Amino acid sequence: MADQPEYWYCIKHSRVETRDGCPNKDRLGPYASEAEAARAIETAHEKSEAWDHDPRWNDDELED
């Protein structure tokens, strides 16, 4: 995988970066394409919404 390009979304600078960008603590990824990395915030939001309604991840929705 080291030969394949990888992209990250830097949450500090709101931009897509390559491997030599900011520290990992400031970014999401890696993603296989620049387009996927550009959607990182939307993807994270979509996953969070899905988890909010999944009883395996949300104790509030577990049945007694």
C-alpha atoms as a PDB file:
ATOM      1  CA  MET A   1       0.000   0.000   0.000  1.00  0.00           C
ATOM      2  CA  ALA A   2       2.975   2.324   0.396  1.00  0.00           C
ATOM      3  CA  ASP A   3       3.258   2.669  -3.411  1.00  0.00           C
ATOM      4  CA  GLN A   4      -0.385   3.715  -3.781  1.00  0.00           C
ATOM      5  CA  PRO A   5      -1.269   7.368  -3.288  1.00  0.00           C
ATOM      6  CA  GLU A   6      -3.101   8.125  -0.065  1.00  0.00           C
ATOM      7  CA  TYR A   7      -4.973  11.252   0.910  1.00  0.00           C
ATOM      8  CA  TRP A   8      -6.082  12.738   4.212  1.00  0.00           C
ATOM      9  CA  TYR A   9      -8.436  15.546   5.140  1.00  0.00           C
ATOM     10  CA  CYS A  10      -6.807  18.029   7.505  1.00  0.00           C
ATOM     11  CA  ILE A  11      -9.412  19.292   9.985  1.00  0.00           C
ATOM     12  CA  LYS A  12      -7.062  22.051  11.129  1.00  0.00           C
ATOM     13  CA  HIS A  13      -6.650  23.593   7.659  1.00  0.00           C
ATOM     14  CA  SER A  14      -9.863  22.285   5.995  1.00  0.00           C
ATOM     15  CA  ARG A  15      -8.039  20.815   3.020  1.00  0.00           C
ATOM     16  CA  VAL A  16      -6.965  17.540   1.434  1.00  0.00           C
ATOM     17  CA  GLU A  17      -3.347  16.562   2.042  1.00  0.00           C
ATOM     18  CA  THR A  18      -0.955  13.843   0.948  1.00  0.00           C
ATOM     19  CA  ARG A  19       1.188  11.651   3.170  1.00  0.00           C
ATOM     20  CA  ASP A  20       3.563  14.505   4.042  1.00  0.00           C
ATOM     21  CA  GLY A  21       0.860  16.781   5.444  1.00  0.00           C
ATOM     22  CA  CYS A  22      -0.057  17.658   9.012  1.00  0.00           C
ATOM     23  CA  PRO A  23       0.240  15.207  11.928  1.00  0.00           C
ATOM     24  CA  ASN A  24      -2.360  12.427  11.962  1.00  0.00           C
ATOM     25  CA  LYS A  25      -3.966  13.880  15.091  1.00  0.00           C
ATOM     26  CA  ASP A  26      -5.200  16.768  12.915  1.00  0.00           C
ATOM     27  CA  ARG A  27      -6.605  14.777  10.020  1.00  0.00           C
ATOM     28  CA  LEU A  28      -8.991  12.066   8.863  1.00  0.00           C
ATOM     29  CA  GLY A  29      -7.945   9.206   6.641  1.00  0.00           C
ATOM     30  CA  PRO A  30      -6.213   7.796   4.777  1.00  0.00           C
ATOM     31  CA  TYR A  31      -8.483   7.669   1.747  1.00  0.00           C
ATOM     32  CA  ALA A  32      -7.756   6.066  -1.608  1.00  0.00           C
ATOM     33  CA  SER A  33      -8.653   9.154  -3.618  1.00  0.00           C
ATOM     34  CA  GLU A  34      -8.551  12.905  -3.308  1.00  0.00           C
ATOM     35  CA  ALA A  35     -12.327  13.026  -3.874  1.00  0.00           C
ATOM     36  CA  GLU A  36     -12.981  10.643  -0.966  1.00  0.00           C
ATOM     37  CA  ALA A  37     -10.745  12.703   1.302  1.00  0.00           C
ATOM     38  CA  ALA A  38     -12.565  15.890   0.281  1.00  0.00           C
ATOM     39  CA  ARG A  39     -15.810  14.291   1.535  1.00  0.00           C
ATOM     40  CA  ALA A  40     -14.307  13.198   4.878  1.00  0.00           C
ATOM     41  CA  ILE A  41     -16.397  15.540   7.034  1.00  0.00           C
ATOM     42  CA  GLU A  42     -19.635  14.543   5.269  1.00  0.00           C
ATOM     43  CA  THR A  43     -18.717  10.858   5.530  1.00  0.00           C
ATOM     44  CA  ALA A  44     -17.997  11.194   9.258  1.00  0.00           C
ATOM     45  CA  HIS A  45     -21.323  12.990   9.766  1.00  0.00           C
ATOM     46  CA  GLU A  46     -23.222  10.288   7.839  1.00  0.00           C
ATOM     47  CA  LYS A  47     -21.586   7.517   9.878  1.00  0.00           C
ATOM     48  CA  SER A  48     -22.286   9.337  13.129  1.00  0.00           C
ATOM     49  CA  GLU A  49     -25.959   9.731  12.206  1.00  0.00           C
ATOM     50  CA  ALA A  50     -26.207   6.035  11.371  1.00  0.00           C
ATOM     51  CA  TRP A  51     -24.560   5.052  14.666  1.00  0.00           C
ATOM     52  CA  ASP A  52     -26.960   7.327  16.581  1.00  0.00           C
ATOM     53  CA  HIS A  53     -29.797   5.079  15.385  1.00  0.00           C
ATOM     54  CA  ASP A  54     -28.002   1.743  15.785  1.00  0.00           C
ATOM     55  CA  PRO A  55     -28.822   0.047  19.121  1.00  0.00           C
ATOM     56  CA  ARG A  56     -25.455  -1.724  19.059  1.00  0.00           C
ATOM     57  CA  TRP A  57     -23.791   1.717  19.406  1.00  0.00           C
ATOM     58  CA  ASN A  58     -26.479   3.691  21.240  1.00  0.00           C
ATOM     59  CA  ASP A  59     -27.483   2.512  24.711  1.00  0.00           C
ATOM     60  CA  ASP A  60     -30.514   4.850  24.668  1.00  0.00           C
ATOM     61  CA  GLU A  61     -32.174   2.705  22.018  1.00  0.00           C
ATOM     62  CA  LEU A  62     -31.599  -0.684  23.668  1.00  0.00           C
ATOM     63  CA  GLU A  63     -34.755  -2.451  24.716  1.00  0.00           C
ATOM     64  CA  ASP A  64     -35.105  -3.648  28.314  1.00  0.00           C
END
